[in-house]
Protein backbone atom coordinates (compact mmCIF):
# COMPACT_ATOMS: atom_id res chain seq x y z
CA UNK A 1 18.42 -9.72 23.96
CA UNK A 2 16.84 -11.51 20.97
CA UNK A 3 19.57 -13.94 18.99
CA UNK A 4 19.06 -11.77 16.44
CA UNK A 5 20.02 -8.88 17.83
CA UNK A 6 23.59 -10.78 19.17
CA UNK A 7 24.08 -11.74 16.06
CA UNK A 8 23.93 -9.07 14.20
CA UNK A 9 25.53 -6.65 16.65
CA UNK A 10 21.83 -4.45 17.30
CA UNK A 11 21.79 -2.09 19.82
CA UNK A 12 18.36 -1.53 21.47
CA UNK A 13 18.56 2.51 21.80
CA UNK A 14 18.09 5.65 18.94
CA UNK A 15 21.01 6.97 16.76
CA UNK A 16 23.78 8.92 17.95
CA UNK A 17 23.70 12.04 17.55
CA UNK A 18 26.65 13.62 15.26
CA UNK A 19 27.18 10.14 13.50
CA UNK A 20 25.93 7.99 10.22
CA UNK A 21 22.71 6.71 10.27
CA UNK A 22 23.23 2.82 10.59
CA UNK A 23 20.58 -0.11 10.80
CA UNK A 24 21.67 -1.29 13.79
CA UNK A 25 20.65 1.10 16.13
CA UNK A 26 16.96 -0.63 16.84
CA UNK A 27 15.27 2.20 17.73
CA UNK A 28 15.47 4.08 14.33
CA UNK A 29 14.06 4.01 11.35
CA UNK A 30 17.10 2.41 9.54
CA UNK A 31 16.45 -0.73 11.47
CA UNK A 32 13.03 -0.98 10.85
CA UNK A 33 13.74 -0.23 7.10
CA UNK A 34 16.35 -3.17 7.08
CA UNK A 35 14.01 -5.44 8.84
CA UNK A 36 11.08 -4.94 7.53
CA UNK A 37 10.67 -2.68 4.68
CA UNK A 38 13.49 -4.05 2.03
CA UNK A 39 12.60 -8.17 2.49
CA UNK A 40 9.14 -6.79 1.64
CA UNK A 41 9.61 -4.52 -1.05
CA UNK A 42 12.16 -7.43 -2.35
CA UNK A 43 9.10 -9.67 -2.12
CA UNK A 44 6.55 -7.34 -3.78
CA UNK A 45 9.24 -7.25 -6.64
CA UNK A 46 9.61 -10.93 -6.78
CA UNK A 47 5.22 -11.36 -6.29
CA UNK A 48 4.86 -8.39 -9.78
CA UNK A 49 7.49 -10.25 -11.90
CA UNK A 50 5.61 -13.53 -10.88
CA UNK A 51 2.19 -12.46 -12.00
CA UNK A 52 3.11 -11.08 -15.93
CA UNK A 53 5.37 -14.15 -16.35
CA UNK A 54 3.08 -14.48 -19.50
CA UNK A 55 3.38 -10.76 -20.18
CA UNK A 56 7.21 -10.32 -19.75
CA UNK A 57 7.33 -13.52 -22.03
CA UNK A 58 5.45 -11.94 -24.62
CA UNK A 59 7.00 -8.63 -24.69
CA UNK A 60 11.05 -10.11 -24.91
CA UNK A 61 10.24 -13.48 -26.15
CA UNK A 62 10.19 -17.31 -24.99
CA UNK A 63 13.91 -17.15 -24.31
CA UNK A 64 13.23 -14.68 -21.61
CA UNK A 65 11.14 -17.28 -19.68
CA UNK A 66 14.12 -19.05 -18.35
CA UNK A 67 15.93 -15.59 -17.94
CA UNK A 68 13.06 -14.73 -15.61
CA UNK A 69 13.27 -17.63 -13.40
CA UNK A 70 16.81 -17.30 -12.81
CA UNK A 71 16.65 -13.38 -11.59
CA UNK A 72 13.71 -14.19 -9.29
CA UNK A 73 16.18 -16.86 -7.94
CA UNK A 74 18.77 -13.79 -7.31
CA UNK A 75 16.34 -11.82 -6.06
CA UNK A 76 15.28 -14.23 -3.15
CA UNK A 77 19.33 -14.44 -2.43
CA UNK A 78 19.75 -10.47 -2.19
CA UNK A 79 16.90 -11.08 0.40
CA UNK A 80 18.63 -13.53 1.77
CA UNK A 81 21.64 -11.60 2.48
CA UNK A 82 19.80 -8.74 3.45
CA UNK A 83 18.13 -10.35 6.44
CA UNK A 84 21.47 -12.20 7.16
CA UNK A 85 23.72 -8.80 7.34
CA UNK A 86 26.21 -10.53 4.92
CA UNK A 87 28.72 -8.44 3.01
CA UNK A 88 28.25 -6.11 0.30
CA UNK A 89 29.73 -7.91 -2.95
CA UNK A 90 31.30 -6.54 -5.55
CA UNK A 91 29.38 -5.59 -8.98
CA UNK A 92 29.80 -6.40 -12.33
CA UNK A 93 28.34 -4.10 -14.61
CA UNK A 94 28.58 -2.21 -18.37
CA UNK A 95 26.64 1.12 -17.25
CA UNK A 96 30.00 2.57 -16.47
CA UNK A 97 29.98 2.62 -12.94
CA UNK A 98 31.25 -0.42 -11.80
CA UNK A 99 34.47 1.09 -10.65
CA UNK A 100 32.77 4.19 -8.57
CA UNK A 101 30.77 1.31 -6.69
CA UNK A 102 33.51 -1.37 -6.20
CA UNK A 103 36.33 1.19 -4.99
CA UNK A 104 33.39 2.28 -2.55
CA UNK A 105 32.73 -1.19 -0.98
CA UNK A 106 36.42 -1.76 -0.93
CA UNK A 107 36.90 1.31 0.73
CA UNK A 108 34.07 0.24 3.70
CA UNK A 109 36.49 -1.45 5.78
CA UNK A 110 34.83 -3.84 7.98
CA UNK A 111 31.71 -1.42 8.38
CA UNK A 112 30.43 -3.33 4.66
CA UNK A 113 26.90 -4.95 5.60
CA UNK A 114 23.49 -4.21 5.81
CA UNK A 115 22.96 -3.46 9.32
CA UNK A 116 26.98 -2.38 10.28
CA UNK A 117 27.30 0.52 7.10
CA UNK A 118 25.60 3.50 6.52
CA UNK A 119 21.97 3.77 5.98
CA UNK A 120 22.43 5.28 3.17
CA UNK A 121 25.18 3.13 1.96
CA UNK A 122 22.87 0.00 2.41
CA UNK A 123 20.14 1.22 1.17
CA UNK A 124 21.33 2.13 -2.07
CA UNK A 125 23.59 -1.06 -2.62
CA UNK A 126 20.84 -3.02 -2.37
CA UNK A 127 18.81 -0.79 -5.04
CA UNK A 128 21.80 -1.19 -6.81
CA UNK A 129 22.15 -5.12 -6.49
CA UNK A 130 18.77 -5.72 -7.38
CA UNK A 131 19.08 -3.56 -11.23
CA UNK A 132 22.38 -5.63 -11.04
CA UNK A 133 20.17 -8.71 -11.56
CA UNK A 134 18.91 -7.78 -14.64
CA UNK A 135 21.47 -6.27 -15.98
CA UNK A 136 23.61 -9.78 -15.97
CA UNK A 137 20.58 -11.03 -18.29
CA UNK A 138 20.25 -10.78 -22.22
CA UNK A 139 17.02 -10.42 -22.52
CA UNK A 140 15.88 -8.43 -19.42
CA UNK A 141 18.13 -5.87 -19.65
CA UNK A 142 15.85 -3.23 -20.26
CA UNK A 143 12.65 -4.71 -18.12
CA UNK A 144 11.13 -1.72 -15.33
CA UNK A 145 10.00 -4.04 -12.43
CA UNK A 146 8.58 -1.06 -10.53
CA UNK A 147 6.67 0.31 -13.44
CA UNK A 148 3.25 -0.62 -13.01
CA UNK A 149 2.87 1.01 -9.47
CA UNK A 150 4.84 3.75 -11.11
CA UNK A 151 2.21 3.93 -13.63
CA UNK A 152 -0.84 3.54 -11.57
CA UNK A 153 1.04 6.38 -9.53
CA UNK A 154 -0.49 8.98 -12.05
CA UNK A 155 -3.54 7.14 -13.60
CA UNK A 156 -4.50 6.92 -9.36
CA UNK A 157 -4.66 10.96 -9.49
CA UNK A 158 -5.73 12.12 -13.09
CA UNK A 159 -8.93 13.60 -10.70
CA UNK A 160 -6.36 16.12 -8.16
CA UNK A 161 -4.51 16.78 -11.48
CA UNK A 162 -7.84 18.14 -13.53
CA UNK A 163 -8.30 19.92 -10.56
CA UNK A 164 -4.37 21.49 -10.49
CA UNK A 165 -4.70 22.38 -14.45
CA UNK A 166 -7.78 23.90 -13.86
CA UNK A 167 -6.68 26.55 -10.70
CA UNK A 168 -2.85 26.85 -12.89
CA UNK A 169 -4.68 28.08 -16.19
CA UNK A 170 -7.02 30.43 -14.71
CA UNK A 171 -3.85 31.91 -13.33
CA UNK A 172 -2.07 31.87 -16.48
CA UNK A 173 -5.28 33.12 -18.43
CA UNK A 174 -4.85 36.38 -16.40
CA UNK A 175 -1.27 36.66 -17.04
CA UNK A 176 -1.32 40.35 -18.49
CA UNK A 177 -2.58 41.98 -14.89
CA UNK A 178 -0.74 40.01 -11.86
CA UNK A 179 1.63 42.18 -10.36
CA UNK A 180 5.04 40.91 -9.21
CA UNK A 181 3.77 40.21 -6.34
CA UNK A 182 0.88 38.01 -7.49
CA UNK A 183 3.06 35.81 -9.19
CA UNK A 184 5.24 35.36 -6.51
CA UNK A 185 2.16 34.29 -4.42
CA UNK A 186 1.80 31.94 -6.74
CA UNK A 187 4.85 30.05 -7.12
CA UNK A 188 5.22 29.75 -3.67
CA UNK A 189 1.93 27.67 -4.43
CA UNK A 190 3.47 25.47 -6.82
CA UNK A 191 6.59 25.66 -4.70
CA UNK A 192 4.46 23.91 -2.36
CA UNK A 193 2.09 22.05 -4.67
CA UNK A 194 5.56 20.61 -5.65
CA UNK A 195 6.60 19.61 -1.70
CA UNK A 196 3.36 17.95 -0.79
CA UNK A 197 3.94 15.71 -4.01
CA UNK A 198 6.62 14.35 -2.72
CA UNK A 199 3.89 12.24 -0.34
CA UNK A 200 3.31 9.89 -2.89
CA UNK A 201 7.06 7.75 -2.35
CA UNK A 202 6.08 4.18 -2.74
CA UNK A 203 9.30 3.23 -1.44
CA UNK A 204 7.69 4.43 2.03
CA UNK A 205 4.31 2.75 1.92
CA UNK A 206 6.60 -0.37 -0.14
CA UNK A 207 4.78 -0.15 -2.91
CA UNK A 208 1.57 0.00 -2.00
CA UNK A 209 -0.85 2.09 -4.44
CA UNK A 210 -1.06 5.80 -3.56
CA UNK A 211 -4.18 7.76 -4.81
CA UNK A 212 -4.12 11.78 -4.76
CA UNK A 213 -7.11 12.69 -4.68
CA UNK A 214 -9.45 16.21 -4.11
CA UNK A 215 -8.03 19.61 -5.70
CA UNK A 216 -4.66 19.90 -4.00
CA UNK A 217 -3.81 23.86 -4.44
CA UNK A 218 -7.28 23.97 -2.19
CA UNK A 219 -5.92 22.15 0.46
CA UNK A 220 -2.29 24.04 0.88
CA UNK A 221 -3.23 26.65 3.12
CA UNK A 222 -4.23 23.80 5.61
CA UNK A 223 -1.16 22.04 5.17
CA UNK A 224 1.30 25.45 5.88
CA UNK A 225 1.00 24.14 9.79
CA UNK A 226 3.31 20.91 8.30
CA UNK A 227 5.79 23.12 7.30
CA UNK A 228 8.55 22.69 10.47
CA UNK A 229 11.19 24.84 8.64
CA UNK A 230 9.45 26.87 5.94
CA UNK A 231 12.12 29.20 3.36
CA UNK A 232 10.20 29.62 0.62
CA UNK A 233 9.78 33.67 0.80
CA UNK A 234 13.76 33.28 0.62
CA UNK A 235 13.42 31.28 -2.86
CA UNK A 236 11.14 33.13 -4.36
CA UNK A 237 13.22 36.29 -3.14
CA UNK A 238 16.09 34.24 -4.93
CA UNK A 239 14.27 33.85 -8.10
CA UNK A 240 12.62 37.27 -8.43
CA UNK A 241 16.04 38.52 -8.45
CA UNK A 242 17.20 36.63 -10.92
CA UNK A 243 14.92 37.66 -13.36
CA UNK A 244 17.72 40.93 -13.25
CA UNK A 245 20.52 38.10 -15.05
CA UNK A 246 20.16 36.95 -18.46
CA UNK A 247 19.58 33.80 -19.25
CA UNK A 248 18.22 32.07 -16.12
CA UNK A 249 18.41 28.32 -15.97
CA UNK A 250 16.89 26.46 -13.14
CA UNK A 251 17.73 22.74 -12.03
CA UNK A 252 14.89 19.97 -10.66
CA UNK A 253 16.69 16.89 -9.27
CA UNK A 254 14.16 14.70 -9.61
CA UNK A 255 12.56 12.24 -7.17
CA UNK A 256 9.34 10.04 -7.98
CA UNK A 257 7.13 9.53 -11.04
CA UNK A 258 3.68 9.91 -11.44
CA UNK A 259 2.04 12.99 -9.64
CA UNK A 260 4.63 13.97 -7.90
CA UNK A 261 6.51 14.54 -11.41
CA UNK A 262 3.16 16.22 -12.56
CA UNK A 263 3.77 18.79 -10.08
CA UNK A 264 7.39 18.69 -11.08
CA UNK A 265 6.46 20.07 -14.54
CA UNK A 266 3.61 22.20 -13.68
CA UNK A 267 6.50 24.22 -11.95
CA UNK A 268 8.63 23.81 -14.15
CA UNK A 269 5.78 24.91 -16.82
CA UNK A 270 4.66 27.98 -14.33
CA UNK A 271 8.53 28.87 -14.34
CA UNK A 272 8.85 28.91 -18.16
CA UNK A 273 4.89 30.44 -18.38
CA UNK A 274 5.82 33.65 -16.30
CA UNK A 275 9.26 34.32 -17.87
CA UNK A 276 11.59 33.36 -14.49
CA UNK A 277 13.62 31.64 -15.91
CA UNK A 278 14.69 30.91 -19.58
CA UNK A 279 15.60 26.97 -18.99
CA UNK A 280 14.43 24.21 -16.40
CA UNK A 281 16.66 21.22 -16.63
CA UNK A 282 15.70 17.36 -15.54
CA UNK A 283 18.02 14.91 -13.37
CA UNK A 284 16.71 11.66 -13.20
CA UNK A 285 18.20 7.86 -12.34
CA UNK A 286 19.71 5.94 -15.33
CA UNK A 287 18.18 2.88 -13.80
CA UNK A 288 15.09 1.62 -11.75
CA UNK A 289 15.65 3.28 -8.44
CA UNK A 290 13.92 3.45 -5.11
CA UNK A 291 11.04 1.58 -6.55
CA UNK A 292 8.95 5.05 -7.72
CA UNK A 293 12.30 7.60 -8.85
CA UNK A 294 11.70 8.95 -12.73
CA UNK A 295 13.76 7.47 -15.04
CA UNK A 296 14.17 8.67 -18.96
CA UNK A 297 11.38 6.04 -19.95
CA UNK A 298 8.96 7.74 -17.28
CA UNK A 299 8.85 11.28 -18.15
CA UNK A 300 8.24 10.03 -21.99
CA UNK A 301 5.53 7.71 -21.20
CA UNK A 302 4.30 11.03 -18.62
CA UNK A 303 4.53 13.04 -21.38
CA UNK A 304 2.76 10.63 -23.47
CA UNK A 305 0.13 9.65 -21.55
CA UNK A 306 -0.81 13.60 -20.64
CA UNK A 307 -1.28 14.35 -24.36
CA UNK A 308 -3.12 11.40 -24.97
CA UNK A 309 -5.55 11.93 -22.09
CA UNK A 310 -9.13 12.40 -22.36
CA UNK A 311 -9.31 15.48 -20.24
CA UNK A 312 -8.61 17.97 -22.49
CA UNK A 313 -6.66 20.25 -19.95
CA UNK A 314 -4.65 17.50 -19.25
CA UNK A 315 -4.30 16.62 -22.80
CA UNK A 316 -3.48 20.59 -23.38
CA UNK A 317 -0.93 20.34 -21.10
CA UNK A 318 1.12 17.34 -22.37
CA UNK A 319 0.84 19.24 -25.55
CA UNK A 320 2.35 22.43 -23.87
CA UNK A 321 4.95 20.76 -21.77
CA UNK A 322 6.22 18.37 -25.26
CA UNK A 323 6.48 21.74 -27.41
CA UNK A 324 8.88 23.51 -24.21
CA UNK A 325 11.13 20.23 -24.33
CA UNK A 326 11.23 20.61 -28.30
CA UNK A 327 12.04 23.91 -28.05
CA UNK A 328 14.58 23.18 -25.35
CA UNK A 329 12.99 25.84 -22.76
CA UNK A 330 12.48 22.08 -20.94
CA UNK A 331 15.46 19.74 -21.08
CA UNK A 332 16.30 16.25 -19.96
CA UNK A 333 20.01 15.89 -18.93
CA UNK A 334 22.13 12.86 -19.91
CA UNK A 335 21.83 10.73 -17.43
CA UNK A 336 24.46 10.88 -14.77
CA UNK A 337 25.61 7.77 -12.96
CA UNK A 338 26.12 9.78 -9.64
CA UNK A 339 22.64 9.86 -8.80
CA UNK A 340 22.33 6.33 -8.26
CA UNK A 341 25.59 5.55 -6.48
CA UNK A 342 25.72 4.83 -2.58
CA UNK A 343 27.94 8.94 -2.09
CA UNK A 344 26.94 11.88 -0.32
CA UNK A 345 26.40 15.25 -2.44
CA UNK A 346 29.36 16.77 0.14
CA UNK A 347 31.78 14.12 -1.51
CA UNK A 348 30.34 15.18 -5.34
CA UNK A 349 33.58 17.81 -6.03
CA UNK A 350 35.97 14.86 -5.76
CA UNK A 351 33.86 11.74 -7.04
CA UNK A 352 31.94 13.57 -9.87
CA UNK A 353 33.77 17.07 -10.50
CA UNK A 354 32.95 17.50 -13.70
CA UNK A 355 28.85 17.17 -12.24
CA UNK A 356 29.49 19.13 -9.70
CA UNK A 357 30.82 21.86 -12.21
CA UNK A 358 27.65 21.28 -14.56
CA UNK A 359 25.59 22.36 -11.22
CA UNK A 360 27.56 25.02 -10.65
CA UNK A 361 26.40 26.78 -14.06
CA UNK A 362 22.79 26.58 -12.91
CA UNK A 363 21.07 29.43 -11.13
CA UNK A 364 18.91 27.36 -8.78
CA UNK A 365 18.61 23.76 -7.55
CA UNK A 366 15.75 21.92 -6.41
CA UNK A 367 16.45 18.89 -5.03
CA UNK A 368 13.22 17.14 -4.75
CA UNK A 369 12.42 14.65 -1.85
CA UNK A 370 13.82 12.71 0.83
CA UNK A 371 16.45 10.22 -0.68
CA UNK A 372 17.73 13.77 -1.64
CA UNK A 373 17.21 14.96 1.34
CA UNK A 374 19.72 11.93 3.22
CA UNK A 375 22.47 12.77 0.13
CA UNK A 376 22.68 16.10 1.04
CA UNK A 377 22.80 15.77 4.71
CA UNK A 378 24.77 12.21 3.89
CA UNK A 379 22.36 10.27 6.20
CA UNK A 380 24.85 11.96 9.12
CA UNK A 381 22.43 12.53 12.38
CA UNK A 382 23.20 16.67 13.11
CA UNK A 383 21.03 18.18 15.60
CA UNK A 384 18.24 18.97 14.69
CA UNK A 385 18.85 23.00 15.00
CA UNK A 386 21.79 22.42 12.91
CA UNK A 387 21.30 25.38 10.35
CA UNK A 388 20.84 23.85 6.53
CA UNK A 389 23.97 25.34 4.86
CA UNK A 390 26.28 23.81 7.70
CA UNK A 391 24.62 20.84 7.29
CA UNK A 392 25.39 20.51 3.74
CA UNK A 393 29.45 20.23 4.26
CA UNK A 394 30.20 22.31 1.77
CA UNK A 395 28.19 20.97 -1.08
CA UNK A 396 27.39 24.95 -2.35
CA UNK A 397 27.93 24.66 -6.27
CA UNK A 398 24.98 27.74 -6.86
CA UNK A 399 22.12 28.89 -4.65
CA UNK A 400 20.06 25.38 -3.73
CA UNK A 401 17.03 24.47 -2.06
CA UNK A 402 15.58 21.16 -1.27
CA UNK A 403 11.26 20.12 -1.27
CA UNK A 404 10.96 17.29 1.28
CA UNK A 405 7.97 15.42 3.22
CA UNK A 406 9.80 14.03 6.32
CA UNK A 407 10.20 10.07 5.97
CA UNK A 408 13.13 9.42 7.52
CA UNK A 409 14.70 10.39 11.19
CA UNK A 410 17.34 13.26 10.11
CA UNK A 411 16.64 16.66 9.84
CA UNK A 412 18.20 20.21 10.31
CA UNK A 413 17.54 24.30 10.70
CA UNK A 414 14.69 23.43 13.38
CA UNK A 415 14.26 26.46 15.67
CA UNK A 416 14.84 25.10 19.16
CA UNK A 417 12.28 22.83 21.07
CA UNK A 418 10.49 22.33 17.89
CA UNK A 419 11.38 18.63 17.69
CA UNK A 420 10.54 18.13 21.50
CA UNK A 421 7.08 19.73 21.19
CA UNK A 422 6.43 17.72 18.16
CA UNK A 423 8.52 14.38 19.36
CA UNK A 424 5.33 15.15 22.28
CA UNK A 425 2.18 15.09 19.58
CA UNK A 426 3.68 12.27 18.02
CA UNK A 427 7.18 10.27 18.63
CA UNK A 428 6.96 8.81 15.12
CA UNK A 429 6.36 12.54 12.86
CA UNK A 430 9.75 11.66 11.16
CA UNK A 431 8.64 8.65 9.11
CA UNK A 432 5.13 9.59 8.02
CA UNK A 433 5.47 11.49 5.13
CA UNK A 434 3.23 14.06 7.15
CA UNK A 435 5.64 16.65 8.05
CA UNK A 436 8.15 19.06 4.97
CA UNK A 437 10.46 21.43 4.90
CA UNK A 438 11.37 23.83 2.13
CA UNK A 439 15.31 25.24 2.88
CA UNK A 440 17.51 27.32 0.65
CA UNK A 441 20.62 28.17 1.03
CA UNK A 442 22.41 30.73 -1.19
CA UNK A 443 25.97 30.06 -3.52
């Protein structure tokens, strides 16, 4: 046993079932995340800030130079705390979530450090502390230290986006002649386009650029065998039946900016275009989060970028989206701090009952991505055959669906023996983003 393992009580085993995932289990992805991925991410933030120093000073003023230097020092300190398994310390903030966080930290008891706490708590705490460093400054409060990577993940994907829009516009141009079955078939395509858009998660690639090229819609068929739990027919069946009740509202709980947000907007636009709902709401993060998560600023930048695009299909799409936002058929909801809290979703009803009730007024919630899935399951290592509904532990505000490419070693709803088959093929199958789930449960 190494000195590191002894010092931080690291156990050289796989994470046990029916227990929270923790970084102290050396053979789990949480350990690799805490030991390798998160320190790299913090180092990259420092490097990017150092590289962009003059631009930042130009934008925020000469006095920002000293604040930037202090912020870089604080990030280095945070990295040291992470690498040496320090206990979580309270945060001081004016964003309205101070008491939630500090009550949460106080309630952890002895399991209140990076390797001893539940992985979800530890990783979420690191990102909240990182933002807290900038909140504590005078001039850099609004600095998005992940902005460059997010922008690149859109600009690197223009070819793919153009191809996607061509397919969508072709289908929409023949809308009048399409049967319900054909609309349903294309809806499932859009769902899967949206699902695979979630591969572009910069927190998994530790901030490395991701490029989406080719025509994603033409590749969907070949990806079906990688969807290890596919409830897409049930999702369509639910949406189809909703048409009988009016008005229908669908909520998307967003994950990543860039290409994935583009696919979120494609799905929402398709839903409105074909009368499947009268409004689609977007739920985004209040602060820069897990590198690539969508903030209101990212949404606005994406719309502006699309509208100004030289590709007429993308430009027309951007203008159509903007007019839908203006008309209220697409709606960016006011940010809620619960999405950047450490809490699992099954605790939402107690911690943020207003949000729970609000979500309950929607006819379908679409949870995007790996972090939302981890929060749906609470980073609790259920046996992999546990039904999706059971794993939600009472979180049923309304019908809900999860679109997730698998990037963490927890999952539910698999058929008996499937995980063994996948393990035999590739023991790391849960952390590559190659496999995916579309899981649904009614209200």
